[in-house]
Amino acid sequence: MAEKVDLKKSLLGYQAKHEEFALLELPERRYLMIDGYGDPNTSPAYAQALQALYPVAYKLKFFSKRELGRDYVVMPLEGLWWAKDMSSFTEHRDKSLWHWTMMIMVPDWVEQSMFESIKEDLGRKDPPIDLAKVRFEIFVEGLCVQTLHIGPYDDESQTLRRLHQEFIPAYALELTGKHHEIYLNDPRRVAAEKLRTILRQPVQSIAG
């Protein structure tokens, strides 16, 4: 029987401390991704995106176990978030203005061909509405700052303000990529005050 690997326990970037900011250099990772726009609490597009993303993730897991003898725990949901006005994250939290890419990391032995095969198989009978929008991508963030937020998602603003306005300037850094969140709990099963979310921001050193 294949040993089940839990990559979030060993891979860099899936551990963080509450109220502590850490700098880390992340290598390339492989993800299943799907893009969308709008308030994740009310947008049908968000729900449809997850309904397409998770079946692909689990099909890949079972394929890997069956065909490769390599079993693993499906990784947590992650999201890249951005908007034309980033104050919609740190100040007024207007989620209707948010763009997002929802994603699930897959092990480095998962190949594009495996993804295409799984996607084709899922598409044969009662496919999710947005199955065609799910893609396989190698993603590189490089230098990042991250911390652990505990509590409701809407309470992230204070931590993000500290990150953007205090920590990043103090270390002569600037924002480069998209705001990144990793959801370590399922909000359907865990009380809001106990939710654990890694908040991550790609950065670079300010030249000179």
N, C-alpha and C. Protein backbone atom coordinates (compact mmCIF):
# COMPACT_ATOMS: atom_id res chain seq x y z
N MET A 1 0.85 -1.20 0.00
CA MET A 1 0.00 0.00 0.00
C MET A 1 0.88 1.24 0.00
N ALA A 2 0.52 2.21 -0.85
CA ALA A 2 1.33 3.42 -0.96
C ALA A 2 1.21 4.25 0.32
N GLU A 3 2.36 4.76 0.78
CA GLU A 3 2.36 5.66 1.94
C GLU A 3 1.78 7.01 1.52
N LYS A 4 0.88 7.53 2.33
CA LYS A 4 0.26 8.82 2.01
C LYS A 4 1.13 9.95 2.54
N VAL A 5 1.56 10.83 1.63
CA VAL A 5 2.43 11.95 1.99
C VAL A 5 1.60 13.21 2.20
N ASP A 6 1.87 13.92 3.28
CA ASP A 6 1.22 15.21 3.55
C ASP A 6 2.26 16.30 3.32
N LEU A 7 2.25 16.88 2.12
CA LEU A 7 3.30 17.80 1.73
C LEU A 7 3.27 19.11 2.51
N LYS A 8 2.12 19.50 3.03
CA LYS A 8 2.08 20.77 3.75
C LYS A 8 2.86 20.72 5.07
N LYS A 9 3.19 19.50 5.51
CA LYS A 9 3.98 19.35 6.73
C LYS A 9 5.48 19.48 6.46
N SER A 10 5.88 19.34 5.19
CA SER A 10 7.31 19.34 4.89
C SER A 10 7.76 20.45 3.94
N LEU A 11 6.87 20.94 3.10
CA LEU A 11 7.28 21.93 2.12
C LEU A 11 7.39 23.31 2.73
N LEU A 12 8.39 24.05 2.29
CA LEU A 12 8.58 25.43 2.71
C LEU A 12 7.37 26.27 2.30
N GLY A 13 6.88 27.08 3.24
CA GLY A 13 5.81 28.00 2.92
C GLY A 13 4.45 27.61 3.46
N TYR A 14 4.33 26.41 4.03
CA TYR A 14 3.04 25.97 4.55
C TYR A 14 3.02 25.97 6.08
N GLN A 15 4.02 26.58 6.67
CA GLN A 15 4.04 26.80 8.11
C GLN A 15 4.29 28.30 8.35
N ALA A 16 3.58 28.86 9.27
CA ALA A 16 3.75 30.28 9.60
C ALA A 16 3.32 30.50 11.04
N LYS A 17 3.82 31.59 11.64
CA LYS A 17 3.49 31.91 13.03
C LYS A 17 2.59 33.13 13.10
N HIS A 18 1.65 33.06 14.01
CA HIS A 18 0.70 34.14 14.20
C HIS A 18 1.40 35.43 14.62
N GLU A 19 1.07 36.52 13.94
CA GLU A 19 1.59 37.85 14.26
C GLU A 19 3.10 37.99 14.02
N GLU A 20 3.71 37.03 13.33
CA GLU A 20 5.13 37.15 12.99
C GLU A 20 5.28 37.15 11.47
N PHE A 21 6.06 38.11 10.95
CA PHE A 21 6.32 38.17 9.52
C PHE A 21 7.64 37.48 9.24
N ALA A 22 7.66 36.64 8.22
CA ALA A 22 8.87 35.90 7.86
C ALA A 22 9.16 36.09 6.37
N LEU A 23 10.43 36.29 6.06
CA LEU A 23 10.88 36.35 4.67
C LEU A 23 11.32 34.97 4.24
N LEU A 24 10.91 34.54 3.06
CA LEU A 24 11.34 33.24 2.55
C LEU A 24 11.40 33.28 1.03
N GLU A 25 12.27 32.45 0.50
CA GLU A 25 12.46 32.33 -0.94
C GLU A 25 11.83 31.02 -1.39
N LEU A 26 10.78 31.12 -2.21
CA LEU A 26 10.03 29.93 -2.59
C LEU A 26 10.43 29.45 -3.98
N PRO A 27 10.58 28.14 -4.14
CA PRO A 27 10.90 27.58 -5.46
C PRO A 27 9.65 27.48 -6.32
N GLU A 28 9.83 27.03 -7.57
CA GLU A 28 8.67 26.83 -8.43
C GLU A 28 7.81 25.69 -7.88
N ARG A 29 6.50 25.85 -8.07
CA ARG A 29 5.55 24.85 -7.62
C ARG A 29 4.53 24.60 -8.73
N ARG A 30 3.89 23.45 -8.70
CA ARG A 30 2.89 23.08 -9.70
C ARG A 30 1.49 23.23 -9.10
N TYR A 31 0.62 23.87 -9.86
CA TYR A 31 -0.72 24.16 -9.36
C TYR A 31 -1.79 23.84 -10.39
N LEU A 32 -2.96 23.50 -9.88
CA LEU A 32 -4.20 23.57 -10.64
C LEU A 32 -4.76 24.96 -10.36
N MET A 33 -5.18 25.68 -11.41
CA MET A 33 -5.63 27.06 -11.24
C MET A 33 -6.92 27.32 -12.02
N ILE A 34 -7.68 28.29 -11.51
CA ILE A 34 -8.86 28.78 -12.24
C ILE A 34 -9.07 30.24 -11.84
N ASP A 35 -9.39 31.08 -12.81
CA ASP A 35 -9.50 32.53 -12.61
C ASP A 35 -10.95 32.98 -12.51
N GLY A 36 -11.16 34.12 -11.85
CA GLY A 36 -12.49 34.70 -11.78
C GLY A 36 -12.46 36.10 -11.22
N TYR A 37 -13.65 36.64 -10.99
CA TYR A 37 -13.80 38.03 -10.56
C TYR A 37 -15.05 38.16 -9.70
N GLY A 38 -14.97 39.01 -8.66
CA GLY A 38 -16.14 39.32 -7.86
C GLY A 38 -16.08 38.79 -6.44
N ASP A 39 -17.07 39.12 -5.67
CA ASP A 39 -17.17 38.77 -4.26
C ASP A 39 -17.29 37.25 -4.10
N PRO A 40 -16.32 36.62 -3.43
CA PRO A 40 -16.39 35.15 -3.29
C PRO A 40 -17.59 34.69 -2.46
N ASN A 41 -18.17 35.58 -1.67
CA ASN A 41 -19.32 35.21 -0.84
C ASN A 41 -20.63 35.18 -1.62
N THR A 42 -20.67 35.90 -2.73
CA THR A 42 -21.94 36.03 -3.46
C THR A 42 -21.85 35.69 -4.94
N SER A 43 -20.65 35.63 -5.49
CA SER A 43 -20.50 35.42 -6.93
C SER A 43 -20.71 33.95 -7.31
N PRO A 44 -21.65 33.67 -8.22
CA PRO A 44 -21.81 32.28 -8.71
C PRO A 44 -20.53 31.76 -9.35
N ALA A 45 -19.75 32.68 -9.95
CA ALA A 45 -18.51 32.26 -10.61
C ALA A 45 -17.54 31.62 -9.62
N TYR A 46 -17.50 32.13 -8.40
CA TYR A 46 -16.58 31.59 -7.40
C TYR A 46 -16.99 30.16 -7.02
N ALA A 47 -18.25 29.96 -6.75
CA ALA A 47 -18.73 28.62 -6.40
C ALA A 47 -18.50 27.64 -7.55
N GLN A 48 -18.75 28.07 -8.77
CA GLN A 48 -18.55 27.21 -9.93
C GLN A 48 -17.07 26.87 -10.12
N ALA A 49 -16.21 27.83 -9.80
CA ALA A 49 -14.77 27.59 -9.93
C ALA A 49 -14.32 26.47 -8.98
N LEU A 50 -14.78 26.52 -7.75
CA LEU A 50 -14.40 25.48 -6.79
C LEU A 50 -15.00 24.14 -7.15
N GLN A 51 -16.21 24.16 -7.72
CA GLN A 51 -16.85 22.92 -8.15
C GLN A 51 -16.11 22.26 -9.30
N ALA A 52 -15.30 23.02 -10.01
CA ALA A 52 -14.47 22.46 -11.09
C ALA A 52 -13.08 22.08 -10.58
N LEU A 53 -12.54 22.88 -9.67
CA LEU A 53 -11.16 22.69 -9.22
C LEU A 53 -10.99 21.43 -8.37
N TYR A 54 -11.88 21.22 -7.42
CA TYR A 54 -11.71 20.10 -6.50
C TYR A 54 -11.82 18.73 -7.17
N PRO A 55 -12.76 18.50 -8.09
CA PRO A 55 -12.79 17.19 -8.74
C PRO A 55 -11.50 16.86 -9.50
N VAL A 56 -10.90 17.87 -10.12
CA VAL A 56 -9.63 17.63 -10.82
C VAL A 56 -8.56 17.26 -9.81
N ALA A 57 -8.50 17.98 -8.69
CA ALA A 57 -7.49 17.71 -7.67
C ALA A 57 -7.61 16.29 -7.12
N TYR A 58 -8.83 15.86 -6.85
CA TYR A 58 -9.01 14.51 -6.28
C TYR A 58 -8.81 13.42 -7.31
N LYS A 59 -9.21 13.66 -8.54
CA LYS A 59 -8.95 12.69 -9.61
C LYS A 59 -7.45 12.48 -9.80
N LEU A 60 -6.69 13.56 -9.73
CA LEU A 60 -5.23 13.45 -9.86
C LEU A 60 -4.63 12.65 -8.71
N LYS A 61 -5.12 12.89 -7.52
CA LYS A 61 -4.64 12.14 -6.35
C LYS A 61 -4.86 10.64 -6.55
N PHE A 62 -6.08 10.27 -6.95
CA PHE A 62 -6.40 8.86 -7.10
C PHE A 62 -5.63 8.24 -8.26
N PHE A 63 -5.42 9.02 -9.34
CA PHE A 63 -4.62 8.54 -10.46
C PHE A 63 -3.19 8.26 -10.01
N SER A 64 -2.62 9.20 -9.25
CA SER A 64 -1.25 9.04 -8.77
C SER A 64 -1.12 7.80 -7.88
N LYS A 65 -2.09 7.59 -7.02
CA LYS A 65 -2.04 6.42 -6.13
C LYS A 65 -2.16 5.14 -6.92
N ARG A 66 -3.09 5.12 -7.87
CA ARG A 66 -3.36 3.89 -8.62
C ARG A 66 -2.27 3.56 -9.64
N GLU A 67 -1.87 4.57 -10.41
CA GLU A 67 -0.96 4.33 -11.52
C GLU A 67 0.52 4.46 -11.15
N LEU A 68 0.82 5.32 -10.19
CA LEU A 68 2.22 5.58 -9.83
C LEU A 68 2.61 5.00 -8.48
N GLY A 69 1.61 4.55 -7.71
CA GLY A 69 1.90 4.05 -6.37
C GLY A 69 2.35 5.15 -5.43
N ARG A 70 1.93 6.40 -5.69
CA ARG A 70 2.34 7.54 -4.87
C ARG A 70 1.07 8.26 -4.39
N ASP A 71 0.76 8.09 -3.12
CA ASP A 71 -0.45 8.69 -2.56
C ASP A 71 -0.07 9.95 -1.79
N TYR A 72 -1.00 10.90 -1.75
CA TYR A 72 -0.74 12.15 -1.03
C TYR A 72 -2.05 12.78 -0.58
N VAL A 73 -1.94 13.62 0.44
CA VAL A 73 -3.09 14.38 0.92
C VAL A 73 -3.30 15.56 -0.03
N VAL A 74 -4.52 15.75 -0.49
CA VAL A 74 -4.81 16.91 -1.34
C VAL A 74 -4.50 18.17 -0.56
N MET A 75 -3.77 19.07 -1.19
CA MET A 75 -3.30 20.28 -0.52
C MET A 75 -4.45 21.26 -0.29
N PRO A 76 -4.27 22.21 0.64
CA PRO A 76 -5.34 23.17 0.93
C PRO A 76 -5.60 24.12 -0.24
N LEU A 77 -6.79 24.66 -0.25
CA LEU A 77 -7.14 25.68 -1.23
C LEU A 77 -6.30 26.93 -1.01
N GLU A 78 -5.87 27.54 -2.10
CA GLU A 78 -5.11 28.78 -2.04
C GLU A 78 -5.75 29.78 -3.00
N GLY A 79 -5.45 31.06 -2.78
CA GLY A 79 -6.00 32.07 -3.67
C GLY A 79 -5.02 33.21 -3.89
N LEU A 80 -4.92 33.65 -5.13
CA LEU A 80 -4.25 34.91 -5.46
C LEU A 80 -5.35 35.95 -5.63
N TRP A 81 -5.15 37.12 -5.03
CA TRP A 81 -6.17 38.16 -5.03
C TRP A 81 -5.55 39.48 -5.45
N TRP A 82 -6.26 40.24 -6.28
CA TRP A 82 -5.75 41.55 -6.66
C TRP A 82 -6.91 42.43 -7.12
N ALA A 83 -6.62 43.74 -7.17
CA ALA A 83 -7.60 44.72 -7.63
C ALA A 83 -6.83 45.93 -8.12
N LYS A 84 -7.49 46.75 -8.93
CA LYS A 84 -6.84 47.96 -9.42
C LYS A 84 -6.48 48.87 -8.26
N ASP A 85 -7.34 48.93 -7.26
CA ASP A 85 -7.09 49.73 -6.06
C ASP A 85 -6.90 48.77 -4.90
N MET A 86 -5.65 48.60 -4.45
CA MET A 86 -5.36 47.63 -3.41
C MET A 86 -5.93 48.03 -2.04
N SER A 87 -6.42 49.28 -1.91
CA SER A 87 -7.05 49.66 -0.65
C SER A 87 -8.36 48.90 -0.45
N SER A 88 -8.87 48.26 -1.51
CA SER A 88 -10.08 47.45 -1.36
C SER A 88 -9.80 46.20 -0.53
N PHE A 89 -8.50 45.92 -0.25
CA PHE A 89 -8.13 44.83 0.65
C PHE A 89 -7.88 45.34 2.06
N THR A 90 -7.19 46.48 2.18
CA THR A 90 -6.72 46.93 3.48
C THR A 90 -7.62 47.95 4.15
N GLU A 91 -8.51 48.57 3.40
CA GLU A 91 -9.34 49.61 3.98
C GLU A 91 -10.82 49.23 3.95
N HIS A 92 -11.48 49.46 2.80
CA HIS A 92 -12.93 49.29 2.77
C HIS A 92 -13.39 47.88 2.41
N ARG A 93 -12.48 46.98 2.06
CA ARG A 93 -12.79 45.57 1.80
C ARG A 93 -13.97 45.40 0.84
N ASP A 94 -13.92 46.10 -0.29
CA ASP A 94 -14.98 45.98 -1.29
C ASP A 94 -14.69 44.76 -2.17
N LYS A 95 -15.27 43.63 -1.82
CA LYS A 95 -14.94 42.37 -2.48
C LYS A 95 -15.47 42.29 -3.90
N SER A 96 -16.42 43.13 -4.23
CA SER A 96 -16.95 43.12 -5.60
C SER A 96 -15.90 43.57 -6.61
N LEU A 97 -14.82 44.21 -6.12
CA LEU A 97 -13.76 44.72 -6.99
C LEU A 97 -12.60 43.74 -7.13
N TRP A 98 -12.69 42.62 -6.47
CA TRP A 98 -11.56 41.70 -6.41
C TRP A 98 -11.51 40.76 -7.61
N HIS A 99 -10.30 40.58 -8.14
CA HIS A 99 -10.00 39.50 -9.08
C HIS A 99 -9.35 38.37 -8.28
N TRP A 100 -9.50 37.15 -8.74
CA TRP A 100 -8.90 36.05 -8.02
C TRP A 100 -8.49 34.90 -8.94
N THR A 101 -7.50 34.18 -8.47
CA THR A 101 -7.13 32.88 -9.04
C THR A 101 -7.14 31.89 -7.90
N MET A 102 -8.06 30.94 -7.93
CA MET A 102 -8.10 29.91 -6.91
C MET A 102 -7.25 28.73 -7.39
N MET A 103 -6.56 28.09 -6.46
CA MET A 103 -5.60 27.07 -6.90
C MET A 103 -5.33 26.04 -5.80
N ILE A 104 -4.87 24.89 -6.25
CA ILE A 104 -4.46 23.80 -5.36
C ILE A 104 -3.13 23.28 -5.86
N MET A 105 -2.15 23.24 -4.97
CA MET A 105 -0.83 22.75 -5.34
C MET A 105 -0.86 21.24 -5.52
N VAL A 106 -0.10 20.74 -6.51
CA VAL A 106 0.04 19.30 -6.72
C VAL A 106 1.52 18.92 -6.62
N PRO A 107 1.83 17.67 -6.31
CA PRO A 107 3.24 17.26 -6.15
C PRO A 107 4.04 17.45 -7.44
N ASP A 108 5.35 17.54 -7.28
CA ASP A 108 6.21 17.81 -8.44
C ASP A 108 6.30 16.64 -9.41
N TRP A 109 5.76 15.48 -9.02
CA TRP A 109 5.75 14.36 -9.99
C TRP A 109 4.50 14.36 -10.87
N VAL A 110 3.57 15.26 -10.62
CA VAL A 110 2.38 15.39 -11.47
C VAL A 110 2.75 16.16 -12.74
N GLU A 111 2.46 15.58 -13.88
CA GLU A 111 2.83 16.17 -15.17
C GLU A 111 1.61 16.72 -15.90
N GLN A 112 1.87 17.58 -16.87
CA GLN A 112 0.81 18.16 -17.70
C GLN A 112 -0.03 17.06 -18.36
N SER A 113 0.63 16.01 -18.83
CA SER A 113 -0.09 14.94 -19.51
C SER A 113 -1.08 14.24 -18.58
N MET A 114 -0.72 14.08 -17.30
CA MET A 114 -1.63 13.49 -16.33
C MET A 114 -2.84 14.39 -16.13
N PHE A 115 -2.59 15.67 -16.02
CA PHE A 115 -3.68 16.64 -15.87
C PHE A 115 -4.63 16.59 -17.05
N GLU A 116 -4.09 16.57 -18.27
CA GLU A 116 -4.94 16.55 -19.47
C GLU A 116 -5.78 15.28 -19.52
N SER A 117 -5.19 14.17 -19.14
CA SER A 117 -5.91 12.91 -19.14
C SER A 117 -7.07 12.93 -18.14
N ILE A 118 -6.81 13.43 -16.94
CA ILE A 118 -7.83 13.51 -15.91
C ILE A 118 -8.96 14.46 -16.33
N LYS A 119 -8.57 15.58 -16.90
CA LYS A 119 -9.57 16.57 -17.32
C LYS A 119 -10.47 16.00 -18.42
N GLU A 120 -9.87 15.28 -19.34
CA GLU A 120 -10.65 14.66 -20.42
C GLU A 120 -11.62 13.64 -19.84
N ASP A 121 -11.15 12.86 -18.88
CA ASP A 121 -12.00 11.84 -18.25
C ASP A 121 -13.18 12.48 -17.53
N LEU A 122 -12.93 13.57 -16.80
CA LEU A 122 -13.99 14.27 -16.09
C LEU A 122 -15.02 14.88 -17.04
N GLY A 123 -14.57 15.23 -18.23
CA GLY A 123 -15.43 15.89 -19.18
C GLY A 123 -16.38 14.97 -19.93
N ARG A 124 -16.23 13.66 -19.75
CA ARG A 124 -17.04 12.72 -20.52
C ARG A 124 -18.49 12.64 -20.04
N LYS A 125 -18.71 12.83 -18.73
CA LYS A 125 -20.07 12.68 -18.20
C LYS A 125 -20.31 13.69 -17.09
N ASP A 126 -21.33 14.50 -17.26
CA ASP A 126 -21.73 15.52 -16.27
C ASP A 126 -20.54 16.34 -15.78
N PRO A 127 -19.81 16.98 -16.68
CA PRO A 127 -18.64 17.76 -16.26
C PRO A 127 -19.05 19.01 -15.48
N PRO A 128 -18.21 19.48 -14.56
CA PRO A 128 -18.47 20.76 -13.89
C PRO A 128 -18.57 21.87 -14.94
N ILE A 129 -19.36 22.89 -14.64
CA ILE A 129 -19.60 23.97 -15.59
C ILE A 129 -18.30 24.61 -16.07
N ASP A 130 -17.39 24.84 -15.15
CA ASP A 130 -16.16 25.58 -15.49
C ASP A 130 -14.95 24.67 -15.66
N LEU A 131 -15.16 23.40 -15.96
CA LEU A 131 -14.04 22.48 -16.10
C LEU A 131 -13.02 22.97 -17.13
N ALA A 132 -13.49 23.52 -18.25
CA ALA A 132 -12.59 23.97 -19.30
C ALA A 132 -11.65 25.08 -18.84
N LYS A 133 -12.03 25.81 -17.77
CA LYS A 133 -11.22 26.93 -17.30
C LYS A 133 -10.09 26.51 -16.37
N VAL A 134 -10.14 25.26 -15.89
CA VAL A 134 -9.08 24.78 -15.00
C VAL A 134 -7.82 24.53 -15.81
N ARG A 135 -6.69 25.01 -15.31
CA ARG A 135 -5.43 24.84 -16.02
C ARG A 135 -4.35 24.32 -15.07
N PHE A 136 -3.31 23.79 -15.66
CA PHE A 136 -2.12 23.31 -14.94
C PHE A 136 -1.02 24.32 -15.20
N GLU A 137 -0.38 24.81 -14.14
CA GLU A 137 0.62 25.86 -14.33
C GLU A 137 1.77 25.70 -13.34
N ILE A 138 2.98 25.92 -13.82
CA ILE A 138 4.15 26.00 -12.96
C ILE A 138 4.30 27.45 -12.54
N PHE A 139 4.29 27.70 -11.23
CA PHE A 139 4.19 29.03 -10.67
C PHE A 139 5.40 29.31 -9.79
N VAL A 140 6.01 30.46 -9.96
CA VAL A 140 7.18 30.85 -9.18
C VAL A 140 6.91 32.17 -8.48
N GLU A 141 6.99 32.20 -7.16
CA GLU A 141 6.81 33.45 -6.42
C GLU A 141 8.12 34.07 -5.99
N GLY A 142 9.13 33.26 -5.73
CA GLY A 142 10.41 33.80 -5.31
C GLY A 142 10.37 34.36 -3.90
N LEU A 143 10.91 35.57 -3.71
CA LEU A 143 11.00 36.17 -2.38
C LEU A 143 9.62 36.64 -1.92
N CYS A 144 9.23 36.22 -0.71
CA CYS A 144 7.91 36.56 -0.17
C CYS A 144 8.01 36.88 1.32
N VAL A 145 7.00 37.60 1.79
CA VAL A 145 6.78 37.77 3.22
C VAL A 145 5.46 37.07 3.56
N GLN A 146 5.44 36.35 4.68
CA GLN A 146 4.18 35.73 5.05
C GLN A 146 4.00 35.69 6.56
N THR A 147 2.75 35.53 6.95
CA THR A 147 2.40 35.41 8.36
C THR A 147 1.14 34.56 8.47
N LEU A 148 0.79 34.20 9.69
CA LEU A 148 -0.42 33.43 9.93
C LEU A 148 -1.48 34.33 10.55
N HIS A 149 -2.64 34.37 9.92
CA HIS A 149 -3.78 35.09 10.47
C HIS A 149 -4.73 34.09 11.10
N ILE A 150 -5.19 34.38 12.31
CA ILE A 150 -6.17 33.54 12.98
C ILE A 150 -7.43 34.37 13.19
N GLY A 151 -8.54 33.87 12.67
CA GLY A 151 -9.80 34.58 12.82
C GLY A 151 -10.52 34.75 11.50
N PRO A 152 -11.60 35.53 11.50
CA PRO A 152 -12.39 35.72 10.28
C PRO A 152 -11.57 36.36 9.17
N TYR A 153 -11.92 36.02 7.94
CA TYR A 153 -11.21 36.58 6.79
C TYR A 153 -11.31 38.11 6.77
N ASP A 154 -12.45 38.64 7.19
CA ASP A 154 -12.64 40.09 7.13
C ASP A 154 -11.82 40.84 8.17
N ASP A 155 -11.18 40.12 9.08
CA ASP A 155 -10.31 40.76 10.07
C ASP A 155 -8.84 40.81 9.62
N GLU A 156 -8.59 40.43 8.37
CA GLU A 156 -7.21 40.43 7.86
C GLU A 156 -6.66 41.83 7.64
N SER A 157 -7.52 42.82 7.53
CA SER A 157 -7.10 44.16 7.11
C SER A 157 -5.99 44.73 7.97
N GLN A 158 -6.12 44.60 9.29
CA GLN A 158 -5.11 45.17 10.19
C GLN A 158 -3.75 44.54 9.96
N THR A 159 -3.72 43.22 9.79
CA THR A 159 -2.45 42.54 9.54
C THR A 159 -1.86 42.96 8.20
N LEU A 160 -2.71 43.10 7.19
CA LEU A 160 -2.22 43.50 5.88
C LEU A 160 -1.70 44.94 5.88
N ARG A 161 -2.32 45.81 6.66
CA ARG A 161 -1.81 47.17 6.78
C ARG A 161 -0.42 47.17 7.40
N ARG A 162 -0.23 46.36 8.45
CA ARG A 162 1.11 46.26 9.07
C ARG A 162 2.13 45.73 8.07
N LEU A 163 1.71 44.74 7.29
CA LEU A 163 2.61 44.16 6.30
C LEU A 163 2.99 45.19 5.25
N HIS A 164 1.99 45.88 4.69
CA HIS A 164 2.23 46.81 3.58
C HIS A 164 2.89 48.11 4.04
N GLN A 165 2.48 48.61 5.21
CA GLN A 165 2.89 49.95 5.61
C GLN A 165 4.03 49.99 6.63
N GLU A 166 4.30 48.86 7.28
CA GLU A 166 5.36 48.83 8.29
C GLU A 166 6.49 47.87 7.93
N PHE A 167 6.19 46.58 7.83
CA PHE A 167 7.25 45.59 7.63
C PHE A 167 7.96 45.78 6.29
N ILE A 168 7.21 45.87 5.21
CA ILE A 168 7.83 45.95 3.88
C ILE A 168 8.69 47.21 3.73
N PRO A 169 8.22 48.40 4.10
CA PRO A 169 9.10 49.57 4.01
C PRO A 169 10.31 49.48 4.94
N ALA A 170 10.13 48.91 6.14
CA ALA A 170 11.23 48.83 7.11
C ALA A 170 12.38 47.98 6.59
N TYR A 171 12.09 47.02 5.75
CA TYR A 171 13.13 46.14 5.21
C TYR A 171 13.51 46.51 3.77
N ALA A 172 13.16 47.73 3.37
CA ALA A 172 13.52 48.24 2.03
C ALA A 172 13.05 47.30 0.94
N LEU A 173 11.80 46.89 1.06
CA LEU A 173 11.19 46.00 0.08
C LEU A 173 10.03 46.72 -0.60
N GLU A 174 9.57 46.15 -1.71
CA GLU A 174 8.37 46.65 -2.36
C GLU A 174 7.56 45.47 -2.87
N LEU A 175 6.24 45.68 -2.97
CA LEU A 175 5.34 44.64 -3.45
C LEU A 175 5.60 44.37 -4.93
N THR A 176 5.55 43.08 -5.30
CA THR A 176 5.74 42.75 -6.72
C THR A 176 4.59 41.92 -7.28
N GLY A 177 4.22 40.87 -6.61
CA GLY A 177 3.20 39.98 -7.16
C GLY A 177 1.86 40.16 -6.49
N LYS A 178 1.01 39.16 -6.60
CA LYS A 178 -0.37 39.23 -6.10
C LYS A 178 -0.45 38.72 -4.67
N HIS A 179 -1.35 39.34 -3.92
CA HIS A 179 -1.64 38.89 -2.57
C HIS A 179 -2.07 37.42 -2.61
N HIS A 180 -1.50 36.62 -1.71
CA HIS A 180 -1.66 35.17 -1.75
C HIS A 180 -2.17 34.71 -0.38
N GLU A 181 -3.21 33.88 -0.39
CA GLU A 181 -3.73 33.31 0.85
C GLU A 181 -3.79 31.80 0.73
N ILE A 182 -3.49 31.14 1.86
CA ILE A 182 -3.57 29.68 1.94
C ILE A 182 -4.52 29.35 3.08
N TYR A 183 -5.59 28.61 2.76
CA TYR A 183 -6.67 28.36 3.73
C TYR A 183 -6.44 27.00 4.40
N LEU A 184 -5.99 27.04 5.63
CA LEU A 184 -5.63 25.83 6.35
C LEU A 184 -6.84 25.14 6.98
N ASN A 185 -8.00 25.83 7.00
CA ASN A 185 -9.24 25.24 7.53
C ASN A 185 -10.34 25.34 6.48
N ASP A 186 -11.35 24.53 6.65
CA ASP A 186 -12.56 24.61 5.85
C ASP A 186 -13.57 25.49 6.58
N PRO A 187 -13.93 26.66 6.03
CA PRO A 187 -14.83 27.58 6.74
C PRO A 187 -16.23 27.00 6.96
N ARG A 188 -16.56 25.92 6.26
CA ARG A 188 -17.85 25.28 6.48
C ARG A 188 -17.86 24.43 7.75
N ARG A 189 -16.67 24.12 8.26
CA ARG A 189 -16.57 23.19 9.39
C ARG A 189 -15.91 23.80 10.62
N VAL A 190 -15.33 24.98 10.47
CA VAL A 190 -14.58 25.60 11.56
C VAL A 190 -15.17 26.98 11.85
N ALA A 191 -15.32 27.30 13.12
CA ALA A 191 -15.84 28.60 13.52
C ALA A 191 -14.93 29.71 13.00
N ALA A 192 -15.52 30.84 12.63
CA ALA A 192 -14.77 31.93 12.01
C ALA A 192 -13.59 32.37 12.86
N GLU A 193 -13.76 32.41 14.18
CA GLU A 193 -12.68 32.90 15.04
C GLU A 193 -11.51 31.92 15.13
N LYS A 194 -11.69 30.71 14.63
CA LYS A 194 -10.62 29.71 14.67
C LYS A 194 -9.99 29.45 13.30
N LEU A 195 -10.43 30.16 12.28
CA LEU A 195 -9.86 29.96 10.95
C LEU A 195 -8.39 30.34 10.94
N ARG A 196 -7.59 29.54 10.25
CA ARG A 196 -6.14 29.78 10.15
C ARG A 196 -5.80 29.97 8.68
N THR A 197 -5.27 31.15 8.36
CA THR A 197 -4.98 31.52 6.98
C THR A 197 -3.58 32.08 6.87
N ILE A 198 -2.77 31.49 6.01
CA ILE A 198 -1.46 32.07 5.73
C ILE A 198 -1.64 33.22 4.75
N LEU A 199 -1.12 34.39 5.11
CA LEU A 199 -1.14 35.56 4.24
C LEU A 199 0.26 35.75 3.69
N ARG A 200 0.37 35.82 2.36
CA ARG A 200 1.69 35.87 1.72
C ARG A 200 1.72 36.99 0.69
N GLN A 201 2.86 37.69 0.62
CA GLN A 201 3.02 38.75 -0.36
C GLN A 201 4.40 38.66 -1.02
N PRO A 202 4.46 38.45 -2.33
CA PRO A 202 5.75 38.51 -3.03
C PRO A 202 6.32 39.93 -2.97
N VAL A 203 7.63 40.00 -2.79
CA VAL A 203 8.32 41.29 -2.67
C VAL A 203 9.65 41.25 -3.41
N GLN A 204 10.25 42.42 -3.54
CA GLN A 204 11.63 42.50 -4.04
C GLN A 204 12.32 43.64 -3.32
N SER A 205 13.65 43.58 -3.27
CA SER A 205 14.42 44.65 -2.66
C SER A 205 14.35 45.90 -3.53
N ILE A 206 14.29 47.05 -2.87
CA ILE A 206 14.29 48.31 -3.59
C ILE A 206 15.72 48.59 -4.06
N ALA A 207 15.89 48.76 -5.37
CA ALA A 207 17.23 49.00 -5.93
C ALA A 207 17.84 50.24 -5.32
N GLY A 208 19.14 50.15 -5.02
CA GLY A 208 19.86 51.32 -4.51
C GLY A 208 19.72 51.44 -3.01
